[in-house]
Amino acid sequence: MNFLKLIIEANIVVQLVILVLIFFSVFSWAIIFFKRAALKSAYSQSQEFLKVFQKSNNLSEVNKASRKYRGSPLASLFQSGYKELVYLSRSNPERPLTLDRLESVERALVKASNREISKLEKKMSFLATTGSVTPFIGLFGTVWGIMVAFQRIGIVKSAGLDVVAPGIAEALIATAAGLFAAIPAVIAYNHYLHRIKNLVIEMEDFSLEFLSIAGKLYGP
């Protein structure tokens, strides 16, 4: 069966449905590859930066090294926390980093963490939309195709296979196109969401470790 011929000869509504599904599919695959590269970079650079952070006892040296890991959310957290730490130290160098001043560093880390989470979750909503909406769009094309097939039966006054088959075939193509767009999007969304959650946990652990070190180095 020539699927391209069926689509070309299909009802205009079914053709529009298939075009919409192709749009969703193409963009979701582009996002899948983009997020794969972005999350892979975030994971690998974060592990490398974490090794540098744990080995060094000098936060200034770590700050210089962190500039090499622009894809790492942990490096971004460190830079925000270190910037606030330096500001507090220079504004009042004789005053130790007490609990109330440490809260300022914590707020800076929380802001940086929220910013990095937003970056990690960027475009994830499109995958979720594709996974939830495209099966119904495909179903609409299927229902419409079947309606057209029944109309042909009424016009021709025959329920032969040669009359029914084209309409049913184009209707099922819409269903298949909807599933083809939805299934990869759902799988990718769940997989990437799990990886993002792991990165969020790493950021929370890193923030606690950074605050602990800051309290020891600049505390009373």
N, C-alpha and C. Protein backbone atom coordinates (compact mmCIF):
# COMPACT_ATOMS: atom_id res chain seq x y z
N MET A 1 0.84 -1.19 0.00
CA MET A 1 0.00 0.00 0.00
C MET A 1 0.88 1.25 0.00
N ASN A 2 0.58 2.18 -0.91
CA ASN A 2 1.36 3.41 -1.04
C ASN A 2 0.82 4.44 -0.04
N PHE A 3 1.54 4.62 1.07
CA PHE A 3 1.07 5.53 2.11
C PHE A 3 1.08 6.98 1.63
N LEU A 4 2.10 7.35 0.86
CA LEU A 4 2.19 8.73 0.36
C LEU A 4 1.00 9.04 -0.54
N LYS A 5 0.63 8.08 -1.40
CA LYS A 5 -0.51 8.27 -2.28
C LYS A 5 -1.80 8.40 -1.48
N LEU A 6 -1.93 7.59 -0.43
CA LEU A 6 -3.12 7.67 0.42
C LEU A 6 -3.23 9.05 1.08
N ILE A 7 -2.10 9.59 1.54
CA ILE A 7 -2.11 10.90 2.20
C ILE A 7 -2.47 11.99 1.20
N ILE A 8 -1.89 11.90 -0.01
CA ILE A 8 -2.16 12.91 -1.04
C ILE A 8 -3.64 12.90 -1.44
N GLU A 9 -4.20 11.71 -1.52
CA GLU A 9 -5.60 11.58 -1.95
C GLU A 9 -6.58 11.65 -0.78
N ALA A 10 -6.07 11.83 0.43
CA ALA A 10 -6.94 11.86 1.60
C ALA A 10 -7.76 13.14 1.66
N ASN A 11 -8.75 13.11 2.53
CA ASN A 11 -9.57 14.29 2.78
C ASN A 11 -8.70 15.42 3.32
N ILE A 12 -9.06 16.67 3.01
CA ILE A 12 -8.25 17.83 3.41
C ILE A 12 -8.09 17.92 4.93
N VAL A 13 -9.11 17.54 5.67
CA VAL A 13 -9.03 17.58 7.14
C VAL A 13 -8.00 16.57 7.64
N VAL A 14 -8.01 15.36 7.09
CA VAL A 14 -7.03 14.34 7.48
C VAL A 14 -5.62 14.79 7.11
N GLN A 15 -5.48 15.44 5.96
CA GLN A 15 -4.16 15.95 5.55
C GLN A 15 -3.65 17.00 6.53
N LEU A 16 -4.53 17.89 6.96
CA LEU A 16 -4.14 18.92 7.94
C LEU A 16 -3.75 18.28 9.28
N VAL A 17 -4.49 17.27 9.68
CA VAL A 17 -4.17 16.55 10.92
C VAL A 17 -2.78 15.94 10.84
N ILE A 18 -2.49 15.30 9.72
CA ILE A 18 -1.18 14.66 9.54
C ILE A 18 -0.06 15.70 9.51
N LEU A 19 -0.31 16.87 8.88
CA LEU A 19 0.69 17.94 8.86
C LEU A 19 0.98 18.46 10.27
N VAL A 20 -0.09 18.62 11.06
CA VAL A 20 0.08 19.07 12.45
C VAL A 20 0.90 18.05 13.25
N LEU A 21 0.61 16.77 13.04
CA LEU A 21 1.33 15.71 13.75
C LEU A 21 2.79 15.65 13.31
N ILE A 22 3.04 15.89 12.03
CA ILE A 22 4.43 15.93 11.55
C ILE A 22 5.17 17.08 12.20
N PHE A 23 4.50 18.24 12.34
CA PHE A 23 5.11 19.40 13.01
C PHE A 23 5.50 19.04 14.45
N PHE A 24 4.57 18.45 15.18
CA PHE A 24 4.84 18.06 16.57
C PHE A 24 5.99 17.05 16.63
N SER A 25 5.97 16.09 15.72
CA SER A 25 6.99 15.04 15.73
C SER A 25 8.38 15.60 15.45
N VAL A 26 8.49 16.45 14.42
CA VAL A 26 9.80 17.01 14.05
C VAL A 26 10.37 17.85 15.18
N PHE A 27 9.54 18.72 15.76
CA PHE A 27 10.03 19.59 16.83
C PHE A 27 10.33 18.81 18.11
N SER A 28 9.55 17.80 18.39
CA SER A 28 9.83 17.00 19.59
C SER A 28 11.13 16.23 19.45
N TRP A 29 11.41 15.72 18.25
CA TRP A 29 12.69 15.03 18.04
C TRP A 29 13.86 16.00 18.13
N ALA A 30 13.67 17.22 17.62
CA ALA A 30 14.73 18.23 17.73
C ALA A 30 15.02 18.54 19.20
N ILE A 31 13.96 18.66 20.01
CA ILE A 31 14.11 18.93 21.44
C ILE A 31 14.75 17.73 22.14
N ILE A 32 14.37 16.52 21.74
CA ILE A 32 14.95 15.32 22.34
C ILE A 32 16.47 15.31 22.18
N PHE A 33 16.95 15.60 20.97
CA PHE A 33 18.40 15.61 20.73
C PHE A 33 19.08 16.77 21.45
N PHE A 34 18.39 17.92 21.48
CA PHE A 34 18.94 19.09 22.16
C PHE A 34 19.08 18.84 23.66
N LYS A 35 18.03 18.30 24.28
CA LYS A 35 18.06 18.05 25.72
C LYS A 35 19.05 16.95 26.06
N ARG A 36 19.19 15.98 25.19
CA ARG A 36 20.16 14.90 25.43
C ARG A 36 21.57 15.47 25.53
N ALA A 37 21.92 16.34 24.58
CA ALA A 37 23.26 16.95 24.59
C ALA A 37 23.44 17.87 25.81
N ALA A 38 22.40 18.66 26.12
CA ALA A 38 22.49 19.61 27.23
C ALA A 38 22.64 18.90 28.57
N LEU A 39 21.83 17.87 28.80
CA LEU A 39 21.89 17.14 30.07
C LEU A 39 23.17 16.33 30.20
N LYS A 40 23.64 15.78 29.09
CA LYS A 40 24.90 15.04 29.11
C LYS A 40 26.05 15.97 29.49
N SER A 41 26.05 17.17 28.92
CA SER A 41 27.08 18.16 29.24
C SER A 41 26.98 18.59 30.71
N ALA A 42 25.75 18.81 31.18
CA ALA A 42 25.56 19.23 32.57
C ALA A 42 26.06 18.17 33.54
N TYR A 43 25.79 16.91 33.25
CA TYR A 43 26.23 15.81 34.11
C TYR A 43 27.76 15.70 34.13
N SER A 44 28.36 15.63 32.94
CA SER A 44 29.81 15.41 32.86
C SER A 44 30.59 16.59 33.44
N GLN A 45 30.18 17.82 33.12
CA GLN A 45 30.89 18.99 33.64
C GLN A 45 30.69 19.15 35.14
N SER A 46 29.54 18.78 35.63
CA SER A 46 29.29 18.86 37.08
C SER A 46 30.18 17.89 37.84
N GLN A 47 30.37 16.69 37.30
CA GLN A 47 31.24 15.71 37.95
C GLN A 47 32.69 16.19 37.96
N GLU A 48 33.12 16.79 36.85
CA GLU A 48 34.48 17.30 36.77
C GLU A 48 34.69 18.47 37.73
N PHE A 49 33.71 19.38 37.79
CA PHE A 49 33.82 20.52 38.70
C PHE A 49 33.79 20.07 40.15
N LEU A 50 32.97 19.06 40.46
CA LEU A 50 32.87 18.56 41.83
C LEU A 50 34.21 18.01 42.31
N LYS A 51 34.94 17.36 41.41
CA LYS A 51 36.27 16.84 41.76
C LYS A 51 37.21 17.99 42.11
N VAL A 52 37.16 19.06 41.31
CA VAL A 52 38.01 20.24 41.57
C VAL A 52 37.63 20.87 42.90
N PHE A 53 36.34 20.99 43.16
CA PHE A 53 35.85 21.62 44.38
C PHE A 53 36.26 20.84 45.62
N GLN A 54 36.17 19.53 45.55
CA GLN A 54 36.47 18.69 46.71
C GLN A 54 37.97 18.57 46.98
N LYS A 55 38.78 18.72 45.95
CA LYS A 55 40.23 18.60 46.12
C LYS A 55 40.87 19.87 46.63
N SER A 56 40.31 21.03 46.26
CA SER A 56 40.94 22.31 46.59
C SER A 56 40.44 22.85 47.92
N ASN A 57 41.34 23.49 48.64
CA ASN A 57 41.00 24.15 49.91
C ASN A 57 40.89 25.66 49.75
N ASN A 58 41.14 26.15 48.54
CA ASN A 58 41.12 27.58 48.26
C ASN A 58 39.92 27.90 47.38
N LEU A 59 38.93 28.62 47.93
CA LEU A 59 37.71 28.93 47.17
C LEU A 59 37.99 29.85 46.00
N SER A 60 39.02 30.69 46.13
CA SER A 60 39.37 31.58 45.02
C SER A 60 39.85 30.79 43.81
N GLU A 61 40.64 29.75 44.06
CA GLU A 61 41.12 28.91 42.96
C GLU A 61 39.96 28.13 42.33
N VAL A 62 39.05 27.68 43.16
CA VAL A 62 37.88 26.97 42.65
C VAL A 62 37.04 27.90 41.78
N ASN A 63 36.93 29.17 42.20
CA ASN A 63 36.16 30.13 41.43
C ASN A 63 36.76 30.33 40.04
N LYS A 64 38.08 30.39 39.97
CA LYS A 64 38.74 30.52 38.66
C LYS A 64 38.51 29.28 37.81
N ALA A 65 38.60 28.13 38.44
CA ALA A 65 38.41 26.87 37.70
C ALA A 65 36.97 26.70 37.24
N SER A 66 36.02 27.26 37.99
CA SER A 66 34.60 27.08 37.66
C SER A 66 34.22 27.71 36.33
N ARG A 67 35.00 28.68 35.87
CA ARG A 67 34.69 29.36 34.61
C ARG A 67 34.84 28.43 33.41
N LYS A 68 35.57 27.34 33.60
CA LYS A 68 35.74 26.38 32.50
C LYS A 68 34.53 25.47 32.36
N TYR A 69 33.67 25.43 33.37
CA TYR A 69 32.54 24.50 33.37
C TYR A 69 31.22 25.28 33.26
N ARG A 70 31.03 25.95 32.13
CA ARG A 70 29.85 26.78 31.94
C ARG A 70 28.56 25.96 31.81
N GLY A 71 28.69 24.71 31.43
CA GLY A 71 27.51 23.86 31.30
C GLY A 71 27.10 23.20 32.59
N SER A 72 27.87 23.41 33.65
CA SER A 72 27.59 22.75 34.93
C SER A 72 26.72 23.63 35.82
N PRO A 73 25.58 23.14 36.27
CA PRO A 73 24.77 23.92 37.23
C PRO A 73 25.47 24.08 38.58
N LEU A 74 26.31 23.11 38.96
CA LEU A 74 27.03 23.22 40.23
C LEU A 74 28.03 24.36 40.20
N ALA A 75 28.71 24.53 39.05
CA ALA A 75 29.67 25.62 38.90
C ALA A 75 28.95 26.97 38.98
N SER A 76 27.76 27.04 38.40
CA SER A 76 26.98 28.28 38.46
C SER A 76 26.54 28.58 39.90
N LEU A 77 26.16 27.54 40.63
CA LEU A 77 25.80 27.71 42.04
C LEU A 77 26.99 28.23 42.85
N PHE A 78 28.14 27.63 42.60
CA PHE A 78 29.34 28.04 43.33
C PHE A 78 29.65 29.50 43.07
N GLN A 79 29.60 29.93 41.82
CA GLN A 79 29.93 31.31 41.47
C GLN A 79 29.00 32.30 42.16
N SER A 80 27.71 31.96 42.22
CA SER A 80 26.75 32.84 42.90
C SER A 80 27.01 32.90 44.40
N GLY A 81 27.25 31.72 44.99
CA GLY A 81 27.54 31.68 46.42
C GLY A 81 28.85 32.37 46.77
N TYR A 82 29.85 32.14 45.95
CA TYR A 82 31.17 32.75 46.20
C TYR A 82 31.11 34.26 46.04
N LYS A 83 30.36 34.73 45.05
CA LYS A 83 30.21 36.17 44.82
C LYS A 83 29.59 36.85 46.04
N GLU A 84 28.55 36.23 46.60
CA GLU A 84 27.91 36.78 47.79
C GLU A 84 28.84 36.70 48.99
N LEU A 85 29.61 35.65 49.07
CA LEU A 85 30.56 35.47 50.17
C LEU A 85 31.65 36.54 50.15
N VAL A 86 32.16 36.80 48.96
CA VAL A 86 33.19 37.84 48.81
C VAL A 86 32.63 39.22 49.15
N TYR A 87 31.40 39.47 48.72
CA TYR A 87 30.76 40.76 49.01
C TYR A 87 30.61 40.96 50.52
N LEU A 88 30.17 39.94 51.23
CA LEU A 88 30.00 40.05 52.68
C LEU A 88 31.34 40.24 53.39
N SER A 89 32.36 39.55 52.90
CA SER A 89 33.69 39.65 53.53
C SER A 89 34.29 41.03 53.33
N ARG A 90 34.10 41.60 52.13
CA ARG A 90 34.68 42.91 51.84
C ARG A 90 33.89 44.05 52.48
N SER A 91 32.58 43.88 52.62
CA SER A 91 31.75 44.93 53.20
C SER A 91 32.04 45.12 54.69
N ASN A 92 32.37 44.02 55.36
CA ASN A 92 32.70 44.11 56.78
C ASN A 92 33.70 42.99 57.12
N PRO A 93 34.99 43.21 56.78
CA PRO A 93 35.98 42.14 56.93
C PRO A 93 36.23 41.71 58.37
N GLU A 94 35.95 42.58 59.34
CA GLU A 94 36.22 42.24 60.73
C GLU A 94 35.09 41.43 61.36
N ARG A 95 33.95 41.47 60.75
CA ARG A 95 32.79 40.77 61.32
C ARG A 95 32.74 39.34 60.78
N PRO A 96 32.65 38.33 61.64
CA PRO A 96 32.59 36.94 61.17
C PRO A 96 31.27 36.63 60.49
N LEU A 97 31.25 35.54 59.75
CA LEU A 97 30.05 35.13 59.02
C LEU A 97 29.10 34.41 59.97
N THR A 98 28.24 35.20 60.62
CA THR A 98 27.28 34.63 61.57
C THR A 98 26.09 34.03 60.82
N LEU A 99 25.16 33.45 61.59
CA LEU A 99 24.02 32.75 60.99
C LEU A 99 23.16 33.67 60.13
N ASP A 100 22.94 34.91 60.58
CA ASP A 100 22.10 35.83 59.81
C ASP A 100 22.77 36.24 58.51
N ARG A 101 24.08 36.37 58.52
CA ARG A 101 24.80 36.72 57.29
C ARG A 101 24.90 35.50 56.38
N LEU A 102 24.96 34.33 56.95
CA LEU A 102 25.01 33.10 56.16
C LEU A 102 23.70 32.89 55.39
N GLU A 103 22.61 33.43 55.92
CA GLU A 103 21.33 33.32 55.22
C GLU A 103 21.36 34.07 53.89
N SER A 104 22.15 35.13 53.83
CA SER A 104 22.29 35.88 52.58
C SER A 104 22.95 35.01 51.51
N VAL A 105 23.95 34.25 51.91
CA VAL A 105 24.61 33.32 50.98
C VAL A 105 23.64 32.23 50.56
N GLU A 106 22.86 31.76 51.51
CA GLU A 106 21.88 30.71 51.21
C GLU A 106 20.84 31.21 50.19
N ARG A 107 20.40 32.46 50.35
CA ARG A 107 19.43 33.02 49.40
C ARG A 107 20.04 33.12 48.00
N ALA A 108 21.30 33.50 47.94
CA ALA A 108 21.97 33.58 46.64
C ALA A 108 22.05 32.21 45.98
N LEU A 109 22.30 31.18 46.78
CA LEU A 109 22.35 29.82 46.25
C LEU A 109 20.98 29.34 45.78
N VAL A 110 19.94 29.70 46.52
CA VAL A 110 18.58 29.31 46.14
C VAL A 110 18.17 29.97 44.83
N LYS A 111 18.50 31.26 44.68
CA LYS A 111 18.19 31.97 43.43
C LYS A 111 18.92 31.34 42.24
N ALA A 112 20.20 31.04 42.46
CA ALA A 112 20.99 30.41 41.39
C ALA A 112 20.44 29.03 41.06
N SER A 113 20.02 28.30 42.08
CA SER A 113 19.46 26.96 41.88
C SER A 113 18.16 27.02 41.07
N ASN A 114 17.30 27.97 41.41
CA ASN A 114 16.03 28.14 40.66
C ASN A 114 16.30 28.50 39.21
N ARG A 115 17.30 29.34 39.00
CA ARG A 115 17.66 29.73 37.64
C ARG A 115 18.17 28.54 36.83
N GLU A 116 18.99 27.70 37.45
CA GLU A 116 19.52 26.53 36.76
C GLU A 116 18.44 25.48 36.50
N ILE A 117 17.51 25.34 37.44
CA ILE A 117 16.40 24.40 37.24
C ILE A 117 15.54 24.83 36.05
N SER A 118 15.31 26.15 35.94
CA SER A 118 14.54 26.67 34.80
C SER A 118 15.24 26.36 33.48
N LYS A 119 16.57 26.47 33.48
CA LYS A 119 17.33 26.15 32.27
C LYS A 119 17.20 24.66 31.92
N LEU A 120 17.31 23.82 32.95
CA LEU A 120 17.23 22.37 32.72
C LEU A 120 15.85 21.96 32.23
N GLU A 121 14.81 22.64 32.71
CA GLU A 121 13.44 22.28 32.34
C GLU A 121 12.97 22.97 31.07
N LYS A 122 13.83 23.78 30.47
CA LYS A 122 13.46 24.51 29.26
C LYS A 122 13.08 23.54 28.14
N LYS A 123 11.95 23.82 27.50
CA LYS A 123 11.41 23.04 26.37
C LYS A 123 10.84 21.68 26.79
N MET A 124 10.90 21.34 28.06
CA MET A 124 10.32 20.08 28.51
C MET A 124 8.79 20.10 28.37
N SER A 125 8.20 21.28 28.51
CA SER A 125 6.74 21.39 28.42
C SER A 125 6.24 21.01 27.03
N PHE A 126 7.06 21.27 25.99
CA PHE A 126 6.64 20.90 24.63
C PHE A 126 6.58 19.38 24.49
N LEU A 127 7.54 18.67 25.10
CA LEU A 127 7.50 17.21 25.06
C LEU A 127 6.27 16.68 25.79
N ALA A 128 5.95 17.29 26.92
CA ALA A 128 4.76 16.87 27.67
C ALA A 128 3.50 17.12 26.87
N THR A 129 3.43 18.28 26.21
CA THR A 129 2.28 18.61 25.38
C THR A 129 2.15 17.65 24.20
N THR A 130 3.27 17.36 23.57
CA THR A 130 3.26 16.43 22.44
C THR A 130 2.76 15.05 22.86
N GLY A 131 3.26 14.58 24.00
CA GLY A 131 2.87 13.25 24.48
C GLY A 131 1.41 13.15 24.86
N SER A 132 0.82 14.25 25.33
CA SER A 132 -0.56 14.20 25.79
C SER A 132 -1.58 14.59 24.72
N VAL A 133 -1.18 15.44 23.77
CA VAL A 133 -2.14 15.98 22.81
C VAL A 133 -2.19 15.20 21.49
N THR A 134 -1.02 14.79 20.99
CA THR A 134 -0.98 14.19 19.64
C THR A 134 -1.83 12.92 19.48
N PRO A 135 -1.95 12.04 20.49
CA PRO A 135 -2.86 10.89 20.28
C PRO A 135 -4.30 11.31 20.01
N PHE A 136 -4.75 12.39 20.66
CA PHE A 136 -6.11 12.86 20.46
C PHE A 136 -6.27 13.54 19.10
N ILE A 137 -5.20 14.24 18.66
CA ILE A 137 -5.25 14.83 17.31
C ILE A 137 -5.32 13.72 16.27
N GLY A 138 -4.51 12.67 16.48
CA GLY A 138 -4.57 11.52 15.58
C GLY A 138 -5.93 10.84 15.62
N LEU A 139 -6.52 10.75 16.80
CA LEU A 139 -7.86 10.14 16.94
C LEU A 139 -8.91 10.96 16.21
N PHE A 140 -8.78 12.28 16.27
CA PHE A 140 -9.70 13.14 15.53
C PHE A 140 -9.60 12.87 14.04
N GLY A 141 -8.37 12.73 13.52
CA GLY A 141 -8.18 12.41 12.11
C GLY A 141 -8.77 11.05 11.76
N THR A 142 -8.65 10.12 12.69
CA THR A 142 -9.21 8.77 12.48
C THR A 142 -10.73 8.83 12.37
N VAL A 143 -11.36 9.51 13.32
CA VAL A 143 -12.83 9.62 13.32
C VAL A 143 -13.31 10.31 12.05
N TRP A 144 -12.60 11.37 11.67
CA TRP A 144 -12.99 12.10 10.46
C TRP A 144 -12.84 11.21 9.22
N GLY A 145 -11.76 10.46 9.14
CA GLY A 145 -11.54 9.56 8.01
C GLY A 145 -12.62 8.49 7.90
N ILE A 146 -13.04 7.96 9.04
CA ILE A 146 -14.10 6.94 9.05
C ILE A 146 -15.43 7.55 8.62
N MET A 147 -15.69 8.78 9.07
CA MET A 147 -16.91 9.48 8.63
C MET A 147 -16.93 9.64 7.11
N VAL A 148 -15.77 10.01 6.55
CA VAL A 148 -15.67 10.17 5.09
C VAL A 148 -15.89 8.83 4.40
N ALA A 149 -15.37 7.74 4.99
CA ALA A 149 -15.56 6.40 4.41
C ALA A 149 -17.04 6.03 4.38
N PHE A 150 -17.78 6.35 5.45
CA PHE A 150 -19.22 6.05 5.47
C PHE A 150 -19.98 6.92 4.48
N GLN A 151 -19.52 8.15 4.29
CA GLN A 151 -20.16 9.00 3.29
C GLN A 151 -19.99 8.41 1.89
N ARG A 152 -18.81 7.87 1.63
CA ARG A 152 -18.57 7.24 0.32
C ARG A 152 -19.48 6.03 0.12
N ILE A 153 -19.69 5.29 1.20
CA ILE A 153 -20.60 4.14 1.11
C ILE A 153 -22.00 4.61 0.73
N GLY A 154 -22.43 5.74 1.33
CA GLY A 154 -23.76 6.27 1.03
C GLY A 154 -23.88 6.77 -0.39
N ILE A 155 -22.80 7.36 -0.89
CA ILE A 155 -22.83 7.90 -2.25
C ILE A 155 -22.80 6.78 -3.29
N VAL A 156 -21.90 5.82 -3.09
CA VAL A 156 -21.72 4.74 -4.07
C VAL A 156 -22.79 3.67 -3.92
N LYS A 157 -23.44 3.61 -2.74
CA LYS A 157 -24.44 2.58 -2.42
C LYS A 157 -23.81 1.19 -2.42
N SER A 158 -22.57 1.14 -1.96
CA SER A 158 -21.87 -0.14 -1.90
C SER A 158 -20.91 -0.12 -0.72
N ALA A 159 -20.80 -1.28 -0.04
CA ALA A 159 -19.88 -1.39 1.09
C ALA A 159 -18.71 -2.30 0.74
N GLY A 160 -18.37 -2.32 -0.53
CA GLY A 160 -17.27 -3.16 -0.98
C GLY A 160 -15.94 -2.68 -0.43
N LEU A 161 -14.97 -3.57 -0.43
CA LEU A 161 -13.65 -3.25 0.12
C LEU A 161 -12.98 -2.13 -0.66
N ASP A 162 -13.19 -2.08 -1.97
CA ASP A 162 -12.57 -1.04 -2.77
C ASP A 162 -13.12 0.34 -2.44
N VAL A 163 -14.31 0.40 -1.86
CA VAL A 163 -14.92 1.67 -1.47
C VAL A 163 -14.50 2.07 -0.05
N VAL A 164 -14.50 1.10 0.84
CA VAL A 164 -14.24 1.38 2.26
C VAL A 164 -12.74 1.49 2.57
N ALA A 165 -11.94 0.67 1.92
CA ALA A 165 -10.52 0.55 2.27
C ALA A 165 -9.74 1.87 2.26
N PRO A 166 -9.86 2.72 1.21
CA PRO A 166 -9.07 3.97 1.22
C PRO A 166 -9.37 4.87 2.40
N GLY A 167 -10.66 5.04 2.73
CA GLY A 167 -11.03 5.89 3.86
C GLY A 167 -10.55 5.35 5.19
N ILE A 168 -10.71 4.04 5.38
CA ILE A 168 -10.24 3.42 6.62
C ILE A 168 -8.72 3.50 6.72
N ALA A 169 -8.04 3.31 5.60
CA ALA A 169 -6.57 3.34 5.60
C ALA A 169 -6.04 4.72 5.98
N GLU A 170 -6.61 5.77 5.37
CA GLU A 170 -6.15 7.12 5.70
C GLU A 170 -6.50 7.48 7.14
N ALA A 171 -7.60 6.93 7.65
CA ALA A 171 -7.97 7.17 9.05
C ALA A 171 -6.96 6.53 9.98
N LEU A 172 -6.54 5.31 9.68
CA LEU A 172 -5.57 4.60 10.52
C LEU A 172 -4.18 5.22 10.42
N ILE A 173 -3.87 5.83 9.28
CA ILE A 173 -2.59 6.53 9.16
C ILE A 173 -2.54 7.69 10.14
N ALA A 174 -3.67 8.39 10.31
CA ALA A 174 -3.72 9.49 11.29
C ALA A 174 -3.47 8.98 12.71
N THR A 175 -4.05 7.82 13.03
CA THR A 175 -3.81 7.22 14.35
C THR A 175 -2.33 6.87 14.53
N ALA A 176 -1.76 6.25 13.50
CA ALA A 176 -0.35 5.86 13.56
C ALA A 176 0.55 7.08 13.70
N ALA A 177 0.23 8.15 12.97
CA ALA A 177 1.03 9.38 13.05
C ALA A 177 0.96 9.98 14.44
N GLY A 178 -0.23 9.94 15.06
CA GLY A 178 -0.37 10.45 16.42
C GLY A 178 0.46 9.68 17.42
N LEU A 179 0.45 8.36 17.29
CA LEU A 179 1.25 7.52 18.20
C LEU A 179 2.75 7.69 17.94
N PHE A 180 3.11 7.84 16.66
CA PHE A 180 4.52 8.04 16.31
C PHE A 180 5.07 9.32 16.92
N ALA A 181 4.24 10.35 17.01
CA ALA A 181 4.67 11.61 17.62
C ALA A 181 4.66 11.52 19.15
N ALA A 182 3.67 10.80 19.70
CA ALA A 182 3.48 10.81 21.16
C ALA A 182 4.45 9.91 21.91
N ILE A 183 4.67 8.69 21.41
CA ILE A 183 5.45 7.70 22.16
C ILE A 183 6.88 8.16 22.44
N PRO A 184 7.66 8.61 21.43
CA PRO A 184 9.02 9.08 21.73
C PRO A 184 9.03 10.27 22.68
N ALA A 185 8.04 11.17 22.54
CA ALA A 185 7.98 12.35 23.41
C ALA A 185 7.76 11.96 24.86
N VAL A 186 6.86 11.01 25.10
CA VAL A 186 6.57 10.56 26.47
C VAL A 186 7.78 9.87 27.09
N ILE A 187 8.41 8.99 26.31
CA ILE A 187 9.60 8.27 26.81
C ILE A 187 10.71 9.25 27.14
N ALA A 188 10.97 10.19 26.22
CA ALA A 188 12.04 11.17 26.45
C ALA A 188 11.72 12.07 27.64
N TYR A 189 10.46 12.49 27.75
CA TYR A 189 10.07 13.37 28.86
C TYR A 189 10.32 12.70 30.21
N ASN A 190 9.87 11.46 30.35
CA ASN A 190 10.06 10.75 31.62
C ASN A 190 11.53 10.50 31.92
N HIS A 191 12.29 10.16 30.89
CA HIS A 191 13.73 9.90 31.08
C HIS A 191 14.47 11.18 31.49
N TYR A 192 14.20 12.27 30.77
CA TYR A 192 14.89 13.53 31.08
C TYR A 192 14.44 14.11 32.41
N LEU A 193 13.16 13.92 32.75
CA LEU A 193 12.67 14.41 34.04
C LEU A 193 13.40 13.72 35.19
N HIS A 194 13.65 12.42 35.03
CA HIS A 194 14.40 11.67 36.04
C HIS A 194 15.82 12.21 36.18
N ARG A 195 16.46 12.50 35.05
CA ARG A 195 17.83 13.02 35.08
C ARG A 195 17.88 14.42 35.70
N ILE A 196 16.88 15.24 35.39
CA ILE A 196 16.82 16.58 35.97
C ILE A 196 16.64 16.51 37.48
N LYS A 197 15.80 15.60 37.94
CA LYS A 197 15.61 15.43 39.39
C LYS A 197 16.92 15.04 40.07
N ASN A 198 17.69 14.19 39.42
CA ASN A 198 19.00 13.82 39.98
C ASN A 198 19.93 15.03 40.07
N LEU A 199 19.90 15.87 39.04
CA LEU A 199 20.73 17.08 39.07
C LEU A 199 20.26 18.04 40.15
N VAL A 200 18.96 18.13 40.36
CA VAL A 200 18.42 19.00 41.41
C VAL A 200 18.88 18.51 42.78
N ILE A 201 18.88 17.21 42.99
CA ILE A 201 19.36 16.64 44.26
C ILE A 201 20.85 16.97 44.45
N GLU A 202 21.63 16.87 43.37
CA GLU A 202 23.05 17.21 43.44
C GLU A 202 23.24 18.68 43.81
N MET A 203 22.40 19.54 43.24
CA MET A 203 22.51 20.97 43.56
C MET A 203 22.17 21.25 45.02
N GLU A 204 21.15 20.56 45.54
CA GLU A 204 20.79 20.73 46.95
C GLU A 204 21.92 20.27 47.86
N ASP A 205 22.51 19.13 47.55
CA ASP A 205 23.63 18.61 48.35
C ASP A 205 24.83 19.55 48.28
N PHE A 206 25.09 20.07 47.07
CA PHE A 206 26.23 20.97 46.89
C PHE A 206 26.02 22.27 47.68
N SER A 207 24.80 22.79 47.67
CA SER A 207 24.51 24.02 48.41
C SER A 207 24.76 23.83 49.91
N LEU A 208 24.36 22.69 50.45
CA LEU A 208 24.59 22.41 51.87
C LEU A 208 26.08 22.30 52.17
N GLU A 209 26.81 21.65 51.26
CA GLU A 209 28.26 21.51 51.44
C GLU A 209 28.96 22.86 51.36
N PHE A 210 28.52 23.69 50.42
CA PHE A 210 29.12 25.03 50.27
C PHE A 210 28.87 25.87 51.52
N LEU A 211 27.65 25.84 52.05
CA LEU A 211 27.33 26.61 53.25
C LEU A 211 28.15 26.12 54.44
N SER A 212 28.35 24.82 54.52
CA SER A 212 29.14 24.25 55.61
C SER A 212 30.59 24.72 55.55
N ILE A 213 31.15 24.72 54.35
CA ILE A 213 32.55 25.18 54.17
C ILE A 213 32.66 26.67 54.44
N ALA A 214 31.68 27.45 53.95
CA ALA A 214 31.69 28.90 54.17
C ALA A 214 31.62 29.23 55.66
N GLY A 215 30.79 28.48 56.40
CA GLY A 215 30.68 28.70 57.84
C GLY A 215 31.99 28.39 58.57
N LYS A 216 32.70 27.37 58.11
CA LYS A 216 33.97 27.00 58.76
C LYS A 216 35.09 28.01 58.44
N LEU A 217 35.12 28.50 57.19
CA LEU A 217 36.20 29.39 56.77
C LEU A 217 36.00 30.82 57.26
N TYR A 218 34.74 31.29 57.27
CA TYR A 218 34.49 32.68 57.60
C TYR A 218 33.68 32.86 58.89
N GLY A 219 33.39 31.76 59.55
CA GLY A 219 32.59 31.84 60.77
C GLY A 219 33.37 32.31 61.98
N PRO A 220 32.70 32.49 63.10
CA PRO A 220 33.38 32.94 64.32
C PRO A 220 34.32 31.91 64.90
